[in-house]
């Protein structure tokens, strides 16, 4: 016999939703708001402000490094594709003009 508690546990497992991951940009914006709030409080201690600044700077640094990584991947993919396409087109031109193929040349 299934008790009511076990039935509730089973339904909670089925209704479980994945938690949305906060991006570095959203985290930086939220920490900016928290920092402004903390600075406006008259009874706040300076080390609390410094802690929030450090956390905000880390989030901003991670956001910038993620942008650089994505930019590097795009540049590498684009240049590699451009190079291989040019190499293949040059081989096609050589093949159609009636050149003698060198021993190193192998058609794709």
PDB file of N, CA and C in Angstrom:
ATOM      1  N   UNK A   1       0.831  -1.172   0.000  1.00  0.00           N
ATOM      2  CA  UNK A   1       0.000   0.000   0.000  1.00  0.00           C
ATOM      3  C   UNK A   1       0.886   1.248   0.000  1.00  0.00           C
ATOM      4  N   UNK A   2       0.555   2.213  -0.851  1.00  0.00           N
ATOM      5  CA  UNK A   2       1.329   3.448  -0.967  1.00  0.00           C
ATOM      6  C   UNK A   2       0.739   4.488  -0.024  1.00  0.00           C
ATOM      7  N   UNK A   3       1.599   5.047   0.799  1.00  0.00           N
ATOM      8  CA  UNK A   3       1.125   6.083   1.710  1.00  0.00           C
ATOM      9  C   UNK A   3       1.045   7.416   0.969  1.00  0.00           C
ATOM     10  N   UNK A   4       0.395   8.356   1.597  1.00  0.00           N
ATOM     11  CA  UNK A   4       0.202   9.668   0.970  1.00  0.00           C
ATOM     12  C   UNK A   4       1.536  10.400   0.800  1.00  0.00           C
ATOM     13  N   UNK A   5       2.456  10.219   1.743  1.00  0.00           N
ATOM     14  CA  UNK A   5       3.758  10.873   1.661  1.00  0.00           C
ATOM     15  C   UNK A   5       4.556  10.364   0.468  1.00  0.00           C
ATOM     16  N   UNK A   6       4.522   9.058   0.232  1.00  0.00           N
ATOM     17  CA  UNK A   6       5.237   8.495  -0.910  1.00  0.00           C
ATOM     18  C   UNK A   6       4.648   8.995  -2.220  1.00  0.00           C
ATOM     19  N   UNK A   7       3.335   9.147  -2.270  1.00  0.00           N
ATOM     20  CA  UNK A   7       2.680   9.638  -3.478  1.00  0.00           C
ATOM     21  C   UNK A   7       3.090  11.084  -3.762  1.00  0.00           C
ATOM     22  N   UNK A   8       3.187  11.894  -2.730  1.00  0.00           N
ATOM     23  CA  UNK A   8       3.611  13.287  -2.896  1.00  0.00           C
ATOM     24  C   UNK A   8       5.051  13.337  -3.383  1.00  0.00           C
ATOM     25  N   UNK A   9       5.925  12.484  -2.840  1.00  0.00           N
ATOM     26  CA  UNK A   9       7.320  12.447  -3.268  1.00  0.00           C
ATOM     27  C   UNK A   9       7.434  12.089  -4.746  1.00  0.00           C
ATOM     28  N   UNK A  10       6.630  11.147  -5.206  1.00  0.00           N
ATOM     29  CA  UNK A  10       6.677  10.745  -6.610  1.00  0.00           C
ATOM     30  C   UNK A  10       6.221  11.872  -7.523  1.00  0.00           C
ATOM     31  N   UNK A  11       5.189  12.608  -7.133  1.00  0.00           N
ATOM     32  CA  UNK A  11       4.708  13.709  -7.975  1.00  0.00           C
ATOM     33  C   UNK A  11       5.699  14.862  -7.982  1.00  0.00           C
ATOM     34  N   UNK A  12       6.410  15.079  -6.881  1.00  0.00           N
ATOM     35  CA  UNK A  12       7.424  16.128  -6.859  1.00  0.00           C
ATOM     36  C   UNK A  12       8.558  15.798  -7.815  1.00  0.00           C
ATOM     37  N   UNK A  13       8.934  14.541  -7.906  1.00  0.00           N
ATOM     38  CA  UNK A  13       9.988  14.145  -8.827  1.00  0.00           C
ATOM     39  C   UNK A  13       9.566  14.369 -10.275  1.00  0.00           C
ATOM     40  N   UNK A  14       8.313  14.134 -10.583  1.00  0.00           N
ATOM     41  CA  UNK A  14       7.837  14.308 -11.948  1.00  0.00           C
ATOM     42  C   UNK A  14       7.728  15.776 -12.334  1.00  0.00           C
ATOM     43  N   UNK A  15       7.424  16.643 -11.393  1.00  0.00           N
ATOM     44  CA  UNK A  15       7.249  18.063 -11.677  1.00  0.00           C
ATOM     45  C   UNK A  15       8.536  18.863 -11.508  1.00  0.00           C
ATOM     46  N   UNK A  16       9.627  18.184 -11.350  1.00  0.00           N
ATOM     47  CA  UNK A  16      10.901  18.869 -11.141  1.00  0.00           C
ATOM     48  C   UNK A  16      11.314  19.595 -12.414  1.00  0.00           C
ATOM     49  N   UNK A  17      11.575  20.884 -12.311  1.00  0.00           N
ATOM     50  CA  UNK A  17      12.015  21.669 -13.458  1.00  0.00           C
ATOM     51  C   UNK A  17      13.492  22.001 -13.282  1.00  0.00           C
ATOM     52  N   UNK A  18      14.198  22.034 -14.394  1.00  0.00           N
ATOM     53  CA  UNK A  18      15.609  22.379 -14.309  1.00  0.00           C
ATOM     54  C   UNK A  18      15.745  23.862 -14.013  1.00  0.00           C
ATOM     55  N   UNK A  19      16.724  24.175 -13.227  1.00  0.00           N
ATOM     56  CA  UNK A  19      16.948  25.551 -12.827  1.00  0.00           C
ATOM     57  C   UNK A  19      17.681  26.294 -13.939  1.00  0.00           C
ATOM     58  N   UNK A  20      17.229  27.502 -14.249  1.00  0.00           N
ATOM     59  CA  UNK A  20      17.851  28.304 -15.295  1.00  0.00           C
ATOM     60  C   UNK A  20      19.202  28.811 -14.798  1.00  0.00           C
ATOM     61  N   UNK A  21      20.206  28.687 -15.624  1.00  0.00           N
ATOM     62  CA  UNK A  21      21.547  29.133 -15.259  1.00  0.00           C
ATOM     63  C   UNK A  21      21.668  30.624 -15.551  1.00  0.00           C
ATOM     64  N   UNK A  22      22.148  31.373 -14.585  1.00  0.00           N
ATOM     65  CA  UNK A  22      22.323  32.808 -14.746  1.00  0.00           C
ATOM     66  C   UNK A  22      23.610  33.068 -15.517  1.00  0.00           C
ATOM     67  N   UNK A  23      23.532  33.939 -16.517  1.00  0.00           N
ATOM     68  CA  UNK A  23      24.720  34.254 -17.313  1.00  0.00           C
ATOM     69  C   UNK A  23      25.625  35.208 -16.537  1.00  0.00           C
ATOM     70  N   UNK A  24      26.857  35.353 -17.021  1.00  0.00           N
ATOM     71  CA  UNK A  24      27.806  36.255 -16.366  1.00  0.00           C
ATOM     72  C   UNK A  24      27.334  37.700 -16.479  1.00  0.00           C
ATOM     73  N   UNK A  25      26.708  38.057 -17.595  1.00  0.00           N
ATOM     74  CA  UNK A  25      26.220  39.426 -17.775  1.00  0.00           C
ATOM     75  C   UNK A  25      25.096  39.737 -16.781  1.00  0.00           C
ATOM     76  N   UNK A  26      24.173  38.796 -16.601  1.00  0.00           N
ATOM     77  CA  UNK A  26      23.086  38.998 -15.639  1.00  0.00           C
ATOM     78  C   UNK A  26      23.630  39.081 -14.218  1.00  0.00           C
ATOM     79  N   UNK A  27      24.608  38.250 -13.909  1.00  0.00           N
ATOM     80  CA  UNK A  27      25.212  38.276 -12.582  1.00  0.00           C
ATOM     81  C   UNK A  27      25.920  39.589 -12.306  1.00  0.00           C
ATOM     82  N   UNK A  28      26.627  40.104 -13.314  1.00  0.00           N
ATOM     83  CA  UNK A  28      27.316  41.382 -13.153  1.00  0.00           C
ATOM     84  C   UNK A  28      26.317  42.504 -12.923  1.00  0.00           C
ATOM     85  N   UNK A  29      25.222  42.507 -13.677  1.00  0.00           N
ATOM     86  CA  UNK A  29      24.202  43.544 -13.508  1.00  0.00           C
ATOM     87  C   UNK A  29      23.566  43.474 -12.120  1.00  0.00           C
ATOM     88  N   UNK A  30      23.279  42.273 -11.646  1.00  0.00           N
ATOM     89  CA  UNK A  30      22.679  42.118 -10.319  1.00  0.00           C
ATOM     90  C   UNK A  30      23.647  42.566  -9.224  1.00  0.00           C
ATOM     91  N   UNK A  31      24.915  42.260  -9.397  1.00  0.00           N
ATOM     92  CA  UNK A  31      25.899  42.676  -8.395  1.00  0.00           C
ATOM     93  C   UNK A  31      26.106  44.187  -8.406  1.00  0.00           C
ATOM     94  N   UNK A  32      25.961  44.829  -9.567  1.00  0.00           N
ATOM     95  CA  UNK A  32      26.025  46.291  -9.618  1.00  0.00           C
ATOM     96  C   UNK A  32      24.904  46.913  -8.792  1.00  0.00           C
ATOM     97  N   UNK A  33      23.707  46.363  -8.922  1.00  0.00           N
ATOM     98  CA  UNK A  33      22.567  46.872  -8.149  1.00  0.00           C
ATOM     99  C   UNK A  33      22.809  46.658  -6.656  1.00  0.00           C
ATOM    100  N   UNK A  34      23.291  45.490  -6.289  1.00  0.00           N
ATOM    101  CA  UNK A  34      23.564  45.205  -4.876  1.00  0.00           C
ATOM    102  C   UNK A  34      24.659  46.119  -4.333  1.00  0.00           C
ATOM    103  N   UNK A  35      25.649  46.404  -5.154  1.00  0.00           N
ATOM    104  CA  UNK A  35      26.736  47.283  -4.720  1.00  0.00           C
ATOM    105  C   UNK A  35      26.224  48.706  -4.498  1.00  0.00           C
ATOM    106  N   UNK A  36      25.402  49.208  -5.424  1.00  0.00           N
ATOM    107  CA  UNK A  36      24.826  50.547  -5.252  1.00  0.00           C
ATOM    108  C   UNK A  36      23.971  50.616  -3.984  1.00  0.00           C
ATOM    109  N   UNK A  37      23.197  49.575  -3.737  1.00  0.00           N
ATOM    110  CA  UNK A  37      22.361  49.538  -2.534  1.00  0.00           C
ATOM    111  C   UNK A  37      23.232  49.554  -1.277  1.00  0.00           C
ATOM    112  N   UNK A  38      24.278  48.759  -1.291  1.00  0.00           N
ATOM    113  CA  UNK A  38      25.148  48.669  -0.119  1.00  0.00           C
ATOM    114  C   UNK A  38      25.863  49.990   0.140  1.00  0.00           C
ATOM    115  N   UNK A  39      26.291  50.671  -0.924  1.00  0.00           N
ATOM    116  CA  UNK A  39      26.984  51.949  -0.750  1.00  0.00           C
ATOM    117  C   UNK A  39      26.055  53.030  -0.201  1.00  0.00           C
ATOM    118  N   UNK A  40      24.760  52.939  -0.457  1.00  0.00           N
ATOM    119  CA  UNK A  40      23.810  53.953   0.005  1.00  0.00           C
ATOM    120  C   UNK A  40      23.448  53.794   1.478  1.00  0.00           C
ATOM    121  N   UNK A  41      23.717  52.656   2.052  1.00  0.00           N
ATOM    122  CA  UNK A  41      23.369  52.416   3.448  1.00  0.00           C
ATOM    123  C   UNK A  41      24.379  53.110   4.356  1.00  0.00           C
ATOM    124  N   UNK A  42      23.900  53.937   5.293  1.00  0.00           N
ATOM    125  CA  UNK A  42      24.837  54.685   6.150  1.00  0.00           C
ATOM    126  C   UNK A  42      25.574  53.804   7.164  1.00  0.00           C
ATOM    127  N   UNK A  43      24.984  52.712   7.584  1.00  0.00           N
ATOM    128  CA  UNK A  43      25.605  51.890   8.616  1.00  0.00           C
ATOM    129  C   UNK A  43      26.371  50.693   8.049  1.00  0.00           C
ATOM    130  N   UNK A  44      26.653  50.704   6.758  1.00  0.00           N
ATOM    131  CA  UNK A  44      27.345  49.575   6.142  1.00  0.00           C
ATOM    132  C   UNK A  44      28.856  49.690   6.361  1.00  0.00           C
ATOM    133  N   UNK A  45      29.510  48.563   6.463  1.00  0.00           N
ATOM    134  CA  UNK A  45      30.950  48.529   6.704  1.00  0.00           C
ATOM    135  C   UNK A  45      31.719  48.507   5.381  1.00  0.00           C
ATOM    136  N   UNK A  46      32.897  49.102   5.344  1.00  0.00           N
ATOM    137  CA  UNK A  46      33.663  49.180   4.092  1.00  0.00           C
ATOM    138  C   UNK A  46      34.079  47.821   3.542  1.00  0.00           C
ATOM    139  N   UNK A  47      34.348  46.857   4.407  1.00  0.00           N
ATOM    140  CA  UNK A  47      34.781  45.560   3.891  1.00  0.00           C
ATOM    141  C   UNK A  47      33.648  44.841   3.158  1.00  0.00           C
ATOM    142  N   UNK A  48      32.386  45.143   3.475  1.00  0.00           N
ATOM    143  CA  UNK A  48      31.266  44.570   2.720  1.00  0.00           C
ATOM    144  C   UNK A  48      31.235  45.120   1.297  1.00  0.00           C
ATOM    145  N   UNK A  49      31.499  46.413   1.163  1.00  0.00           N
ATOM    146  CA  UNK A  49      31.532  47.037  -0.164  1.00  0.00           C
ATOM    147  C   UNK A  49      32.688  46.458  -0.979  1.00  0.00           C
ATOM    148  N   UNK A  50      33.840  46.309  -0.349  1.00  0.00           N
ATOM    149  CA  UNK A  50      34.995  45.750  -1.059  1.00  0.00           C
ATOM    150  C   UNK A  50      34.742  44.311  -1.497  1.00  0.00           C
ATOM    151  N   UNK A  51      34.070  43.544  -0.657  1.00  0.00           N
ATOM    152  CA  UNK A  51      33.745  42.164  -1.019  1.00  0.00           C
ATOM    153  C   UNK A  51      32.832  42.120  -2.242  1.00  0.00           C
ATOM    154  N   UNK A  52      31.789  42.952  -2.240  1.00  0.00           N
ATOM    155  CA  UNK A  52      30.879  42.983  -3.389  1.00  0.00           C
ATOM    156  C   UNK A  52      31.592  43.449  -4.658  1.00  0.00           C
ATOM    157  N   UNK A  53      32.500  44.410  -4.527  1.00  0.00           N
ATOM    158  CA  UNK A  53      33.260  44.862  -5.700  1.00  0.00           C
ATOM    159  C   UNK A  53      34.119  43.737  -6.254  1.00  0.00           C
ATOM    160  N   UNK A  54      34.735  42.968  -5.372  1.00  0.00           N
ATOM    161  CA  UNK A  54      35.574  41.864  -5.820  1.00  0.00           C
ATOM    162  C   UNK A  54      34.751  40.795  -6.540  1.00  0.00           C
ATOM    163  N   UNK A  55      33.590  40.464  -5.994  1.00  0.00           N
ATOM    164  CA  UNK A  55      32.724  39.469  -6.632  1.00  0.00           C
ATOM    165  C   UNK A  55      32.230  39.980  -7.981  1.00  0.00           C
ATOM    166  N   UNK A  56      31.855  41.268  -8.037  1.00  0.00           N
ATOM    167  CA  UNK A  56      31.392  41.852  -9.302  1.00  0.00           C
ATOM    168  C   UNK A  56      32.500  41.855 -10.347  1.00  0.00           C
ATOM    169  N   UNK A  57      33.714  42.196  -9.942  1.00  0.00           N
ATOM    170  CA  UNK A  57      34.836  42.204 -10.882  1.00  0.00           C
ATOM    171  C   UNK A  57      35.135  40.802 -11.409  1.00  0.00           C
ATOM    172  N   UNK A  58      35.014  39.797 -10.560  1.00  0.00           N
ATOM    173  CA  UNK A  58      35.217  38.415 -11.019  1.00  0.00           C
ATOM    174  C   UNK A  58      34.167  38.014 -12.044  1.00  0.00           C
ATOM    175  N   UNK A  59      32.916  38.402 -11.819  1.00  0.00           N
ATOM    176  CA  UNK A  59      31.853  38.085 -12.780  1.00  0.00           C
ATOM    177  C   UNK A  59      32.098  38.803 -14.104  1.00  0.00           C
ATOM    178  N   UNK A  60      32.534  40.054 -14.036  1.00  0.00           N
ATOM    179  CA  UNK A  60      32.817  40.805 -15.267  1.00  0.00           C
ATOM    180  C   UNK A  60      33.999  40.191 -16.008  1.00  0.00           C
ATOM    181  N   UNK A  61      35.007  39.747 -15.273  1.00  0.00           N
ATOM    182  CA  UNK A  61      36.169  39.118 -15.899  1.00  0.00           C
ATOM    183  C   UNK A  61      35.771  37.820 -16.603  1.00  0.00           C
ATOM    184  N   UNK A  62      34.921  37.038 -15.978  1.00  0.00           N
ATOM    185  CA  UNK A  62      34.453  35.794 -16.602  1.00  0.00           C
ATOM    186  C   UNK A  62      33.620  36.085 -17.840  1.00  0.00           C
ATOM    187  N   UNK A  63      32.811  37.144 -17.792  1.00  0.00           N
ATOM    188  CA  UNK A  63      31.999  37.516 -18.950  1.00  0.00           C
ATOM    189  C   UNK A  63      32.898  37.881 -20.124  1.00  0.00           C
ATOM    190  N   UNK A  64      33.940  38.663 -19.870  1.00  0.00           N
ATOM    191  CA  UNK A  64      34.849  39.067 -20.946  1.00  0.00           C
ATOM    192  C   UNK A  64      35.645  37.888 -21.486  1.00  0.00           C
ATOM    193  N   UNK A  65      36.071  36.984 -20.614  1.00  0.00           N
ATOM    194  CA  UNK A  65      36.837  35.831 -21.097  1.00  0.00           C
ATOM    195  C   UNK A  65      35.957  34.900 -21.922  1.00  0.00           C
ATOM    196  N   UNK A  66      34.685  34.797 -21.584  1.00  0.00           N
ATOM    197  CA  UNK A  66      33.768  33.976 -22.386  1.00  0.00           C
ATOM    198  C   UNK A  66      33.579  34.581 -23.769  1.00  0.00           C
ATOM    199  N   UNK A  67      33.506  35.917 -23.857  1.00  0.00           N
ATOM    200  CA  UNK A  67      33.380  36.578 -25.162  1.00  0.00           C
ATOM    201  C   UNK A  67      34.628  36.352 -25.997  1.00  0.00           C
ATOM    202  N   UNK A  68      35.807  36.447 -25.374  1.00  0.00           N
ATOM    203  CA  UNK A  68      37.052  36.245 -26.112  1.00  0.00           C
ATOM    204  C   UNK A  68      37.144  34.818 -26.632  1.00  0.00           C
ATOM    205  N   UNK A  69      36.728  33.852 -25.828  1.00  0.00           N
ATOM    206  CA  UNK A  69      36.776  32.454 -26.247  1.00  0.00           C
ATOM    207  C   UNK A  69      35.861  32.216 -27.438  1.00  0.00           C
ATOM    208  N   UNK A  70      34.642  32.751 -27.386  1.00  0.00           N
ATOM    209  CA  UNK A  70      33.718  32.587 -28.508  1.00  0.00           C
ATOM    210  C   UNK A  70      34.250  33.270 -29.753  1.00  0.00           C
ATOM    211  N   UNK A  71      34.856  34.445 -29.594  1.00  0.00           N
ATOM    212  CA  UNK A  71      35.415  35.170 -30.723  1.00  0.00           C
ATOM    213  C   UNK A  71      36.569  34.378 -31.334  1.00  0.00           C
ATOM    214  N   UNK A  72      37.421  33.780 -30.503  1.00  0.00           N
ATOM    215  CA  UNK A  72      38.541  32.987 -30.996  1.00  0.00           C
ATOM    216  C   UNK A  72      38.043  31.780 -31.779  1.00  0.00           C
ATOM    217  N   UNK A  73      37.015  31.111 -31.282  1.00  0.00           N
ATOM    218  CA  UNK A  73      36.464  29.952 -31.987  1.00  0.00           C
ATOM    219  C   UNK A  73      35.930  30.353 -33.350  1.00  0.00           C
ATOM    220  N   UNK A  74      35.251  31.504 -33.437  1.00  0.00           N
ATOM    221  CA  UNK A  74      34.703  31.963 -34.708  1.00  0.00           C
ATOM    222  C   UNK A  74      35.828  32.266 -35.689  1.00  0.00           C
ATOM    223  N   UNK A  75      36.861  32.978 -35.241  1.00  0.00           N
ATOM    224  CA  UNK A  75      37.962  33.341 -36.133  1.00  0.00           C
ATOM    225  C   UNK A  75      38.684  32.092 -36.609  1.00  0.00           C
ATOM    226  N   UNK A  76      38.951  31.150 -35.718  1.00  0.00           N
ATOM    227  CA  UNK A  76      39.655  29.935 -36.105  1.00  0.00           C
ATOM    228  C   UNK A  76      38.838  29.140 -37.115  1.00  0.00           C
ATOM    229  N   UNK A  77      37.546  28.978 -36.873  1.00  0.00           N
ATOM    230  CA  UNK A  77      36.690  28.218 -37.785  1.00  0.00           C
ATOM    231  C   UNK A  77      36.610  28.902 -39.138  1.00  0.00           C
ATOM    232  N   UNK A  78      36.456  30.221 -39.140  1.00  0.00           N
ATOM    233  CA  UNK A  78      36.332  30.963 -40.390  1.00  0.00           C
ATOM    234  C   UNK A  78      37.620  30.876 -41.202  1.00  0.00           C
ATOM    235  N   UNK A  79      38.778  31.091 -40.563  1.00  0.00           N
ATOM    236  CA  UNK A  79      40.033  31.078 -41.306  1.00  0.00           C
ATOM    237  C   UNK A  79      40.352  29.670 -41.804  1.00  0.00           C
ATOM    238  N   UNK A  80      40.061  28.643 -41.019  1.00  0.00           N
ATOM    239  CA  UNK A  80      40.325  27.276 -41.447  1.00  0.00           C
ATOM    240  C   UNK A  80      39.452  26.920 -42.646  1.00  0.00           C
ATOM    241  N   UNK A  81      38.177  27.286 -42.597  1.00  0.00           N
ATOM    242  CA  UNK A  81      37.267  27.003 -43.706  1.00  0.00           C
ATOM    243  C   UNK A  81      37.700  27.755 -44.952  1.00  0.00           C
ATOM    244  N   UNK A  82      38.082  29.012 -44.776  1.00  0.00           N
ATOM    245  CA  UNK A  82      38.511  29.833 -45.909  1.00  0.00           C
ATOM    246  C   UNK A  82      39.759  29.228 -46.549  1.00  0.00           C
ATOM    247  N   UNK A  83      40.707  28.791 -45.745  1.00  0.00           N
ATOM    248  CA  UNK A  83      41.945  28.217 -46.257  1.00  0.00           C
ATOM    249  C   UNK A  83      41.674  26.918 -47.010  1.00  0.00           C
ATOM    250  N   UNK A  84      40.888  26.033 -46.444  1.00  0.00           N
ATOM    251  CA  UNK A  84      40.637  24.748 -47.104  1.00  0.00           C
ATOM    252  C   UNK A  84      39.828  24.933 -48.376  1.00  0.00           C
ATOM    253  N   UNK A  85      38.901  25.895 -48.377  1.00  0.00           N
ATOM    254  CA  UNK A  85      38.112  26.147 -49.581  1.00  0.00           C
ATOM    255  C   UNK A  85      39.023  26.688 -50.690  1.00  0.00           C
ATOM    256  N   UNK A  86      39.925  27.614 -50.348  1.00  0.00           N
ATOM    257  CA  UNK A  86      40.836  28.186 -51.339  1.00  0.00           C
ATOM    258  C   UNK A  86      41.745  27.095 -51.899  1.00  0.00           C
ATOM    259  N   UNK A  87      42.240  26.251 -51.043  1.00  0.00           N
ATOM    260  CA  UNK A  87      43.125  25.172 -51.467  1.00  0.00           C
ATOM    261  C   UNK A  87      42.394  24.229 -52.428  1.00  0.00           C
ATOM    262  N   UNK A  88      41.154  23.895 -52.113  1.00  0.00           N
ATOM    263  CA  UNK A  88      40.375  23.002 -52.967  1.00  0.00           C
ATOM    264  C   UNK A  88      40.077  23.668 -54.313  1.00  0.00           C
ATOM    265  N   UNK A  89      39.728  24.960 -54.314  1.00  0.00           N
ATOM    266  CA  UNK A  89      39.433  25.667 -55.567  1.00  0.00           C
ATOM    267  C   UNK A  89      40.672  25.756 -56.442  1.00  0.00           C
ATOM    268  N   UNK A  90      41.829  25.994 -55.853  1.00  0.00           N
ATOM    269  CA  UNK A  90      43.061  26.041 -56.642  1.00  0.00           C
ATOM    270  C   UNK A  90      43.340  24.685 -57.276  1.00  0.00           C
ATOM    271  N   UNK A  91      43.066  23.631 -56.568  1.00  0.00           N
ATOM    272  CA  UNK A  91      43.258  22.298 -57.148  1.00  0.00           C
ATOM    273  C   UNK A  91      42.306  22.075 -58.316  1.00  0.00           C
ATOM    274  N   UNK A  92      41.096  22.570 -58.203  1.00  0.00           N
ATOM    275  CA  UNK A  92      40.141  22.424 -59.294  1.00  0.00           C
ATOM    276  C   UNK A  92      40.607  23.193 -60.524  1.00  0.00           C
ATOM    277  N   UNK A  93      41.179  24.382 -60.328  1.00  0.00           N
ATOM    278  CA  UNK A  93      41.684  25.172 -61.456  1.00  0.00           C
ATOM    279  C   UNK A  93      42.829  24.449 -62.141  1.00  0.00           C
ATOM    280  N   UNK A  94      43.729  23.886 -61.356  1.00  0.00           N
ATOM    281  CA  UNK A  94      44.864  23.166 -61.934  1.00  0.00           C
ATOM    282  C   UNK A  94      44.360  21.972 -62.731  1.00  0.00           C
ATOM    283  N   UNK A  95      43.387  21.284 -62.235  1.00  0.00           N
ATOM    284  CA  UNK A  95      42.871  20.100 -62.898  1.00  0.00           C
ATOM    285  C   UNK A  95      42.211  20.457 -64.240  1.00  0.00           C
ATOM    286  N   UNK A  96      41.510  21.571 -64.323  1.00  0.00           N
ATOM    287  CA  UNK A  96      40.792  21.919 -65.550  1.00  0.00           C
ATOM    288  C   UNK A  96      41.693  22.531 -66.606  1.00  0.00           C
ATOM    289  N   UNK A  97      42.855  23.078 -66.250  1.00  0.00           N
ATOM    290  CA  UNK A  97      43.738  23.707 -67.230  1.00  0.00           C
ATOM    291  C   UNK A  97      44.667  22.717 -67.914  1.00  0.00           C
ATOM    292  N   UNK A  98      44.667  21.503 -67.482  1.00  0.00           N
ATOM    293  CA  UNK A  98      45.508  20.508 -68.124  1.00  0.00           C
ATOM    294  C   UNK A  98      46.938  20.492 -67.621  1.00  0.00           C
ATOM    295  N   UNK A  99      47.172  20.951 -66.410  1.00  0.00           N
ATOM    296  CA  UNK A  99      48.514  20.903 -65.849  1.00  0.00           C
ATOM    297  C   UNK A  99      48.880  19.463 -65.535  1.00  0.00           C
ATOM    298  N   UNK A 100      50.172  19.192 -65.541  1.00  0.00           N
ATOM    299  CA  UNK A 100      50.634  17.890 -65.069  1.00  0.00           C
ATOM    300  C   UNK A 100      50.535  17.892 -63.545  1.00  0.00           C
ATOM    301  N   UNK A 101      49.993  16.831 -63.030  1.00  0.00           N
ATOM    302  CA  UNK A 101      49.854  16.756 -61.582  1.00  0.00           C
ATOM    303  C   UNK A 101      51.177  16.339 -60.961  1.00  0.00           C
ATOM    304  N   UNK A 102      51.558  17.038 -59.918  1.00  0.00           N
ATOM    305  CA  UNK A 102      52.783  16.686 -59.220  1.00  0.00           C
ATOM    306  C   UNK A 102      52.526  15.431 -58.393  1.00  0.00           C
ATOM    307  N   UNK A 103      53.580  14.720 -57.989  1.00  0.00           N
ATOM    308  CA  UNK A 103      53.374  13.513 -57.188  1.00  0.00           C
ATOM    309  C   UNK A 103      52.729  13.809 -55.831  1.00  0.00           C
ATOM    310  N   UNK A 104      52.876  15.046 -55.324  1.00  0.00           N
ATOM    311  CA  UNK A 104      52.291  15.392 -54.036  1.00  0.00           C
ATOM    312  C   UNK A 104      50.801  15.697 -54.142  1.00  0.00           C
ATOM    313  N   UNK A 105      50.342  16.036 -55.338  1.00  0.00           N
ATOM    314  CA  UNK A 105      48.942  16.438 -55.489  1.00  0.00           C
ATOM    315  C   UNK A 105      48.041  15.214 -55.527  1.00  0.00           C
ATOM    316  N   UNK A 106      47.054  15.203 -54.655  1.00  0.00           N
ATOM    317  CA  UNK A 106      46.059  14.136 -54.654  1.00  0.00           C
ATOM    318  C   UNK A 106      44.679  14.791 -54.665  1.00  0.00           C
ATOM    319  N   UNK A 107      43.865  14.516 -55.678  1.00  0.00           N
ATOM    320  CA  UNK A 107      42.533  15.131 -55.715  1.00  0.00           C
ATOM    321  C   UNK A 107      41.664  14.626 -54.568  1.00  0.00           C
ATOM    322  N   UNK A 108      40.784  15.465 -54.084  1.00  0.00           N
ATOM    323  CA  UNK A 108      39.931  15.059 -52.951  1.00  0.00           C
ATOM    324  C   UNK A 108      38.895  14.024 -53.342  1.00  0.00           C
TER     325      UNK A 108
END
